[in-house]
Every structure is written in C-alpha cells, then in structure tokens.
Amino acid sequence: MNNNCLYHQLRRVQKKRDKLIDDLKAEKLERELDHFFHKENTSYLKKIIIFQYVGMTVFAISFIPKLLGYY
C-alpha cells in the first residue's frame, strides 16, 4: 500500500471518529436540556417566553406607525 492510500484511509477513520464524537456531544446536550426542562424551571421558561412576546409586541406597536410614515 502506498502512502496516499493510507492517508485516505486515515482521513476516513478520522471523519468517522469526529462524527461519533459530535453525536456523543449532541446526545449529552440533549440529556442536559431534557433534565433542565423537566426540573422546576418550566415557570422560568414561561416567564422568558412571555417577556419575549411582550417585547416583540411593544416593538411592533412602536415601529409600525413609523414604518407607515405617521411620525
């Protein structure tokens, strides 16, 4: 086997290894997120969502008249 063939085999193995590592990281992150959301932090999450909704509404109310040229 020449060096070129060995190099390509090594690259394939490294890509597979990197993919497995990424999959494991994603699985770990998913477990942590599940743990976070199943704890008593759902009220905290609801507060964040409500705050974002109110913020977007206030922004829209203040921006739409400006967009339409009322002031």
PDB file of N, CA and C in Angstrom:
ATOM      1  N   MET A   1       0.849  -1.182   0.000  1.00  0.00           N
ATOM      2  CA  MET A   1       0.000   0.000   0.000  1.00  0.00           C
ATOM      3  C   MET A   1       0.891   1.241   0.000  1.00  0.00           C
ATOM      4  N   ASN A   2       0.503   2.180  -0.786  1.00  0.00           N
ATOM      5  CA  ASN A   2       1.299   3.401  -0.815  1.00  0.00           C
ATOM      6  C   ASN A   2       0.788   4.398   0.230  1.00  0.00           C
ATOM      7  N   ASN A   3       1.537   5.464   0.399  1.00  0.00           N
ATOM      8  CA  ASN A   3       1.201   6.444   1.431  1.00  0.00           C
ATOM      9  C   ASN A   3      -0.116   7.155   1.152  1.00  0.00           C
ATOM     10  N   ASN A   4      -0.427   7.364  -0.115  1.00  0.00           N
ATOM     11  CA  ASN A   4      -1.651   8.059  -0.479  1.00  0.00           C
ATOM     12  C   ASN A   4      -2.879   7.271  -0.021  1.00  0.00           C
ATOM     13  N   CYS A   5      -2.860   5.960  -0.251  1.00  0.00           N
ATOM     14  CA  CYS A   5      -3.970   5.097   0.145  1.00  0.00           C
ATOM     15  C   CYS A   5      -4.113   5.082   1.669  1.00  0.00           C
ATOM     16  N   LEU A   6      -3.004   4.990   2.365  1.00  0.00           N
ATOM     17  CA  LEU A   6      -3.042   5.002   3.827  1.00  0.00           C
ATOM     18  C   LEU A   6      -3.576   6.335   4.349  1.00  0.00           C
ATOM     19  N   TYR A   7      -3.173   7.404   3.687  1.00  0.00           N
ATOM     20  CA  TYR A   7      -3.639   8.728   4.100  1.00  0.00           C
ATOM     21  C   TYR A   7      -5.159   8.827   3.978  1.00  0.00           C
ATOM     22  N   HIS A   8      -5.705   8.331   2.865  1.00  0.00           N
ATOM     23  CA  HIS A   8      -7.152   8.403   2.671  1.00  0.00           C
ATOM     24  C   HIS A   8      -7.887   7.515   3.662  1.00  0.00           C
ATOM     25  N   GLN A   9      -7.329   6.357   3.970  1.00  0.00           N
ATOM     26  CA  GLN A   9      -7.944   5.506   4.984  1.00  0.00           C
ATOM     27  C   GLN A   9      -7.936   6.205   6.341  1.00  0.00           C
ATOM     28  N   LEU A  10      -6.830   6.837   6.672  1.00  0.00           N
ATOM     29  CA  LEU A  10      -6.732   7.566   7.933  1.00  0.00           C
ATOM     30  C   LEU A  10      -7.755   8.698   7.983  1.00  0.00           C
ATOM     31  N   ARG A  11      -7.917   9.425   6.885  1.00  0.00           N
ATOM     32  CA  ARG A  11      -8.894  10.523   6.841  1.00  0.00           C
ATOM     33  C   ARG A  11     -10.310  10.001   7.039  1.00  0.00           C
ATOM     34  N   ARG A  12     -10.642   8.846   6.411  1.00  0.00           N
ATOM     35  CA  ARG A  12     -11.970   8.261   6.590  1.00  0.00           C
ATOM     36  C   ARG A  12     -12.205   7.894   8.048  1.00  0.00           C
ATOM     37  N   VAL A  13     -11.209   7.287   8.667  1.00  0.00           N
ATOM     38  CA  VAL A  13     -11.344   6.895  10.073  1.00  0.00           C
ATOM     39  C   VAL A  13     -11.484   8.135  10.954  1.00  0.00           C
ATOM     40  N   GLN A  14     -10.710   9.179  10.661  1.00  0.00           N
ATOM     41  CA  GLN A  14     -10.799  10.407  11.448  1.00  0.00           C
ATOM     42  C   GLN A  14     -12.168  11.065  11.295  1.00  0.00           C
ATOM     43  N   LYS A  15     -12.726  11.041  10.077  1.00  0.00           N
ATOM     44  CA  LYS A  15     -14.053  11.617   9.866  1.00  0.00           C
ATOM     45  C   LYS A  15     -15.107  10.836  10.635  1.00  0.00           C
ATOM     46  N   LYS A  16     -15.002   9.491  10.621  1.00  0.00           N
ATOM     47  CA  LYS A  16     -15.946   8.672  11.380  1.00  0.00           C
ATOM     48  C   LYS A  16     -15.819   8.960  12.871  1.00  0.00           C
ATOM     49  N   ARG A  17     -14.569   9.091  13.351  1.00  0.00           N
ATOM     50  CA  ARG A  17     -14.336   9.391  14.760  1.00  0.00           C
ATOM     51  C   ARG A  17     -14.937  10.743  15.123  1.00  0.00           C
ATOM     52  N   ASP A  18     -14.719  11.746  14.274  1.00  0.00           N
ATOM     53  CA  ASP A  18     -15.260  13.075  14.539  1.00  0.00           C
ATOM     54  C   ASP A  18     -16.785  13.061  14.565  1.00  0.00           C
ATOM     55  N   LYS A  19     -17.386  12.281  13.659  1.00  0.00           N
ATOM     56  CA  LYS A  19     -18.844  12.185  13.629  1.00  0.00           C
ATOM     57  C   LYS A  19     -19.359  11.531  14.902  1.00  0.00           C
ATOM     58  N   LEU A  20     -18.690  10.473  15.359  1.00  0.00           N
ATOM     59  CA  LEU A  20     -19.109   9.817  16.597  1.00  0.00           C
ATOM     60  C   LEU A  20     -18.980  10.760  17.792  1.00  0.00           C
ATOM     61  N   ILE A  21     -17.898  11.520  17.832  1.00  0.00           N
ATOM     62  CA  ILE A  21     -17.707  12.478  18.926  1.00  0.00           C
ATOM     63  C   ILE A  21     -18.813  13.533  18.898  1.00  0.00           C
ATOM     64  N   ASP A  22     -19.138  14.039  17.706  1.00  0.00           N
ATOM     65  CA  ASP A  22     -20.208  15.034  17.587  1.00  0.00           C
ATOM     66  C   ASP A  22     -21.548  14.451  18.022  1.00  0.00           C
ATOM     67  N   ASP A  23     -21.815  13.196  17.633  1.00  0.00           N
ATOM     68  CA  ASP A  23     -23.057  12.546  18.040  1.00  0.00           C
ATOM     69  C   ASP A  23     -23.129  12.410  19.556  1.00  0.00           C
ATOM     70  N   LEU A  24     -22.014  12.031  20.178  1.00  0.00           N
ATOM     71  CA  LEU A  24     -21.997  11.898  21.634  1.00  0.00           C
ATOM     72  C   LEU A  24     -22.214  13.248  22.313  1.00  0.00           C
ATOM     73  N   LYS A  25     -21.598  14.296  21.782  1.00  0.00           N
ATOM     74  CA  LYS A  25     -21.790  15.631  22.349  1.00  0.00           C
ATOM     75  C   LYS A  25     -23.245  16.062  22.217  1.00  0.00           C
ATOM     76  N   ALA A  26     -23.847  15.801  21.055  1.00  0.00           N
ATOM     77  CA  ALA A  26     -25.243  16.169  20.839  1.00  0.00           C
ATOM     78  C   ALA A  26     -26.155  15.396  21.787  1.00  0.00           C
ATOM     79  N   GLU A  27     -25.858  14.112  21.983  1.00  0.00           N
ATOM     80  CA  GLU A  27     -26.662  13.295  22.889  1.00  0.00           C
ATOM     81  C   GLU A  27     -26.545  13.804  24.325  1.00  0.00           C
ATOM     82  N   LYS A  28     -25.340  14.170  24.733  1.00  0.00           N
ATOM     83  CA  LYS A  28     -25.132  14.700  26.083  1.00  0.00           C
ATOM     84  C   LYS A  28     -25.881  16.013  26.257  1.00  0.00           C
ATOM     85  N   LEU A  29     -25.806  16.894  25.260  1.00  0.00           N
ATOM     86  CA  LEU A  29     -26.515  18.168  25.328  1.00  0.00           C
ATOM     87  C   LEU A  29     -28.023  17.945  25.402  1.00  0.00           C
ATOM     88  N   GLU A  30     -28.514  16.985  24.630  1.00  0.00           N
ATOM     89  CA  GLU A  30     -29.941  16.682  24.645  1.00  0.00           C
ATOM     90  C   GLU A  30     -30.380  16.193  26.019  1.00  0.00           C
ATOM     91  N   ARG A  31     -29.563  15.334  26.651  1.00  0.00           N
ATOM     92  CA  ARG A  31     -29.883  14.858  28.002  1.00  0.00           C
ATOM     93  C   ARG A  31     -29.900  16.011  28.997  1.00  0.00           C
ATOM     94  N   GLU A  32     -28.924  16.925  28.880  1.00  0.00           N
ATOM     95  CA  GLU A  32     -28.875  18.069  29.795  1.00  0.00           C
ATOM     96  C   GLU A  32     -30.085  18.976  29.602  1.00  0.00           C
ATOM     97  N   LEU A  33     -30.482  19.192  28.345  1.00  0.00           N
ATOM     98  CA  LEU A  33     -31.661  20.025  28.094  1.00  0.00           C
ATOM     99  C   LEU A  33     -32.925  19.364  28.624  1.00  0.00           C
ATOM    100  N   ASP A  34     -33.055  18.049  28.425  1.00  0.00           N
ATOM    101  CA  ASP A  34     -34.208  17.334  28.970  1.00  0.00           C
ATOM    102  C   ASP A  34     -34.245  17.470  30.486  1.00  0.00           C
ATOM    103  N   HIS A  35     -33.090  17.317  31.117  1.00  0.00           N
ATOM    104  CA  HIS A  35     -33.013  17.439  32.572  1.00  0.00           C
ATOM    105  C   HIS A  35     -33.405  18.850  33.004  1.00  0.00           C
ATOM    106  N   PHE A  36     -32.938  19.859  32.266  1.00  0.00           N
ATOM    107  CA  PHE A  36     -33.254  21.251  32.597  1.00  0.00           C
ATOM    108  C   PHE A  36     -34.748  21.516  32.476  1.00  0.00           C
ATOM    109  N   PHE A  37     -35.372  21.037  31.397  1.00  0.00           N
ATOM    110  CA  PHE A  37     -36.779  21.343  31.176  1.00  0.00           C
ATOM    111  C   PHE A  37     -37.699  20.523  32.062  1.00  0.00           C
ATOM    112  N   HIS A  38     -37.259  19.369  32.543  1.00  0.00           N
ATOM    113  CA  HIS A  38     -38.116  18.552  33.392  1.00  0.00           C
ATOM    114  C   HIS A  38     -38.010  18.944  34.853  1.00  0.00           C
ATOM    115  N   LYS A  39     -37.053  19.788  35.166  1.00  0.00           N
ATOM    116  CA  LYS A  39     -36.974  20.291  36.535  1.00  0.00           C
ATOM    117  C   LYS A  39     -38.054  21.344  36.731  1.00  0.00           C
ATOM    118  N   GLU A  40     -37.969  22.047  37.828  1.00  0.00           N
ATOM    119  CA  GLU A  40     -38.993  23.042  38.139  1.00  0.00           C
ATOM    120  C   GLU A  40     -38.734  24.365  37.438  1.00  0.00           C
ATOM    121  N   ASN A  41     -37.977  24.353  36.377  1.00  0.00           N
ATOM    122  CA  ASN A  41     -37.641  25.575  35.660  1.00  0.00           C
ATOM    123  C   ASN A  41     -38.646  25.905  34.566  1.00  0.00           C
ATOM    124  N   THR A  42     -39.761  25.181  34.515  1.00  0.00           N
ATOM    125  CA  THR A  42     -40.730  25.472  33.461  1.00  0.00           C
ATOM    126  C   THR A  42     -41.350  26.844  33.667  1.00  0.00           C
ATOM    127  N   SER A  43     -41.530  27.261  34.934  1.00  0.00           N
ATOM    128  CA  SER A  43     -42.079  28.595  35.161  1.00  0.00           C
ATOM    129  C   SER A  43     -41.087  29.659  34.695  1.00  0.00           C
ATOM    130  N   TYR A  44     -39.794  29.402  34.889  1.00  0.00           N
ATOM    131  CA  TYR A  44     -38.753  30.319  34.416  1.00  0.00           C
ATOM    132  C   TYR A  44     -38.813  30.431  32.895  1.00  0.00           C
ATOM    133  N   LEU A  45     -38.975  29.289  32.217  1.00  0.00           N
ATOM    134  CA  LEU A  45     -39.067  29.284  30.762  1.00  0.00           C
ATOM    135  C   LEU A  45     -40.312  30.042  30.299  1.00  0.00           C
ATOM    136  N   LYS A  46     -41.428  29.849  30.994  1.00  0.00           N
ATOM    137  CA  LYS A  46     -42.652  30.564  30.637  1.00  0.00           C
ATOM    138  C   LYS A  46     -42.465  32.067  30.790  1.00  0.00           C
ATOM    139  N   LYS A  47     -41.759  32.487  31.848  1.00  0.00           N
ATOM    140  CA  LYS A  47     -41.503  33.915  32.042  1.00  0.00           C
ATOM    141  C   LYS A  47     -40.672  34.474  30.896  1.00  0.00           C
ATOM    142  N   ILE A  48     -39.672  33.721  30.451  1.00  0.00           N
ATOM    143  CA  ILE A  48     -38.839  34.177  29.337  1.00  0.00           C
ATOM    144  C   ILE A  48     -39.678  34.320  28.072  1.00  0.00           C
ATOM    145  N   ILE A  49     -40.532  33.338  27.795  1.00  0.00           N
ATOM    146  CA  ILE A  49     -41.358  33.380  26.588  1.00  0.00           C
ATOM    147  C   ILE A  49     -42.325  34.560  26.648  1.00  0.00           C
ATOM    148  N   ILE A  50     -42.953  34.781  27.805  1.00  0.00           N
ATOM    149  CA  ILE A  50     -43.885  35.899  27.950  1.00  0.00           C
ATOM    150  C   ILE A  50     -43.148  37.224  27.787  1.00  0.00           C
ATOM    151  N   PHE A  51     -41.960  37.334  28.383  1.00  0.00           N
ATOM    152  CA  PHE A  51     -41.169  38.560  28.275  1.00  0.00           C
ATOM    153  C   PHE A  51     -40.811  38.839  26.815  1.00  0.00           C
ATOM    154  N   GLN A  52     -40.415  37.797  26.078  1.00  0.00           N
ATOM    155  CA  GLN A  52     -40.078  37.985  24.668  1.00  0.00           C
ATOM    156  C   GLN A  52     -41.310  38.400  23.866  1.00  0.00           C
ATOM    157  N   TYR A  53     -42.462  37.775  24.159  1.00  0.00           N
ATOM    158  CA  TYR A  53     -43.690  38.103  23.444  1.00  0.00           C
ATOM    159  C   TYR A  53     -44.082  39.555  23.691  1.00  0.00           C
ATOM    160  N   VAL A  54     -44.020  39.991  24.956  1.00  0.00           N
ATOM    161  CA  VAL A  54     -44.356  41.374  25.292  1.00  0.00           C
ATOM    162  C   VAL A  54     -43.378  42.331  24.619  1.00  0.00           C
ATOM    163  N   GLY A  55     -42.103  41.984  24.635  1.00  0.00           N
ATOM    164  CA  GLY A  55     -41.101  42.832  24.000  1.00  0.00           C
ATOM    165  C   GLY A  55     -41.332  42.976  22.510  1.00  0.00           C
ATOM    166  N   MET A  56     -41.660  41.874  21.846  1.00  0.00           N
ATOM    167  CA  MET A  56     -41.922  41.943  20.402  1.00  0.00           C
ATOM    168  C   MET A  56     -43.174  42.761  20.121  1.00  0.00           C
ATOM    169  N   THR A  57     -44.200  42.621  20.972  1.00  0.00           N
ATOM    170  CA  THR A  57     -45.438  43.374  20.780  1.00  0.00           C
ATOM    171  C   THR A  57     -45.191  44.870  20.934  1.00  0.00           C
ATOM    172  N   VAL A  58     -44.462  45.247  21.980  1.00  0.00           N
ATOM    173  CA  VAL A  58     -44.158  46.666  22.191  1.00  0.00           C
ATOM    174  C   VAL A  58     -43.332  47.207  21.029  1.00  0.00           C
ATOM    175  N   PHE A  59     -42.377  46.432  20.565  1.00  0.00           N
ATOM    176  CA  PHE A  59     -41.564  46.861  19.424  1.00  0.00           C
ATOM    177  C   PHE A  59     -42.440  47.057  18.188  1.00  0.00           C
ATOM    178  N   ALA A  60     -43.351  46.120  17.941  1.00  0.00           N
ATOM    179  CA  ALA A  60     -44.213  46.219  16.761  1.00  0.00           C
ATOM    180  C   ALA A  60     -45.127  47.432  16.858  1.00  0.00           C
ATOM    181  N   ILE A  61     -45.687  47.675  18.054  1.00  0.00           N
ATOM    182  CA  ILE A  61     -46.594  48.812  18.229  1.00  0.00           C
ATOM    183  C   ILE A  61     -45.852  50.129  18.014  1.00  0.00           C
ATOM    184  N   SER A  62     -44.594  50.181  18.446  1.00  0.00           N
ATOM    185  CA  SER A  62     -43.851  51.429  18.290  1.00  0.00           C
ATOM    186  C   SER A  62     -43.246  51.572  16.894  1.00  0.00           C
ATOM    187  N   PHE A  63     -43.023  50.482  16.193  1.00  0.00           N
ATOM    188  CA  PHE A  63     -42.318  50.541  14.918  1.00  0.00           C
ATOM    189  C   PHE A  63     -43.254  50.653  13.717  1.00  0.00           C
ATOM    190  N   ILE A  64     -44.432  50.037  13.793  1.00  0.00           N
ATOM    191  CA  ILE A  64     -45.335  50.011  12.634  1.00  0.00           C
ATOM    192  C   ILE A  64     -45.788  51.416  12.231  1.00  0.00           C
ATOM    193  N   PRO A  65     -46.200  52.294  13.168  1.00  0.00           N
ATOM    194  CA  PRO A  65     -46.566  53.657  12.724  1.00  0.00           C
ATOM    195  C   PRO A  65     -45.400  54.389  12.065  1.00  0.00           C
ATOM    196  N   LYS A  66     -44.204  54.185  12.581  1.00  0.00           N
ATOM    197  CA  LYS A  66     -43.028  54.817  11.977  1.00  0.00           C
ATOM    198  C   LYS A  66     -42.816  54.268  10.567  1.00  0.00           C
ATOM    199  N   LEU A  67     -43.035  52.971  10.412  1.00  0.00           N
ATOM    200  CA  LEU A  67     -42.882  52.328   9.113  1.00  0.00           C
ATOM    201  C   LEU A  67     -43.911  52.862   8.116  1.00  0.00           C
ATOM    202  N   LEU A  68     -45.117  53.121   8.597  1.00  0.00           N
ATOM    203  CA  LEU A  68     -46.179  53.621   7.724  1.00  0.00           C
ATOM    204  C   LEU A  68     -46.084  55.125   7.492  1.00  0.00           C
ATOM    205  N   GLY A  69     -45.190  55.797   8.206  1.00  0.00           N
ATOM    206  CA  GLY A  69     -44.960  57.214   7.974  1.00  0.00           C
ATOM    207  C   GLY A  69     -45.827  58.140   8.787  1.00  0.00           C
ATOM    208  N   TYR A  70     -46.376  57.673   9.912  1.00  0.00           N
ATOM    209  CA  TYR A  70     -47.212  58.536  10.742  1.00  0.00           C
ATOM    210  C   TYR A  70     -46.397  59.494  11.582  1.00  0.00           C
ATOM    211  N   TYR A  71     -45.160  59.147  11.879  1.00  0.00           N
ATOM    212  CA  TYR A  71     -44.280  60.088  12.592  1.00  0.00           C
ATOM    213  C   TYR A  71     -42.850  59.806  12.292  1.00  0.00           C
TER     214      TYR A  71
END
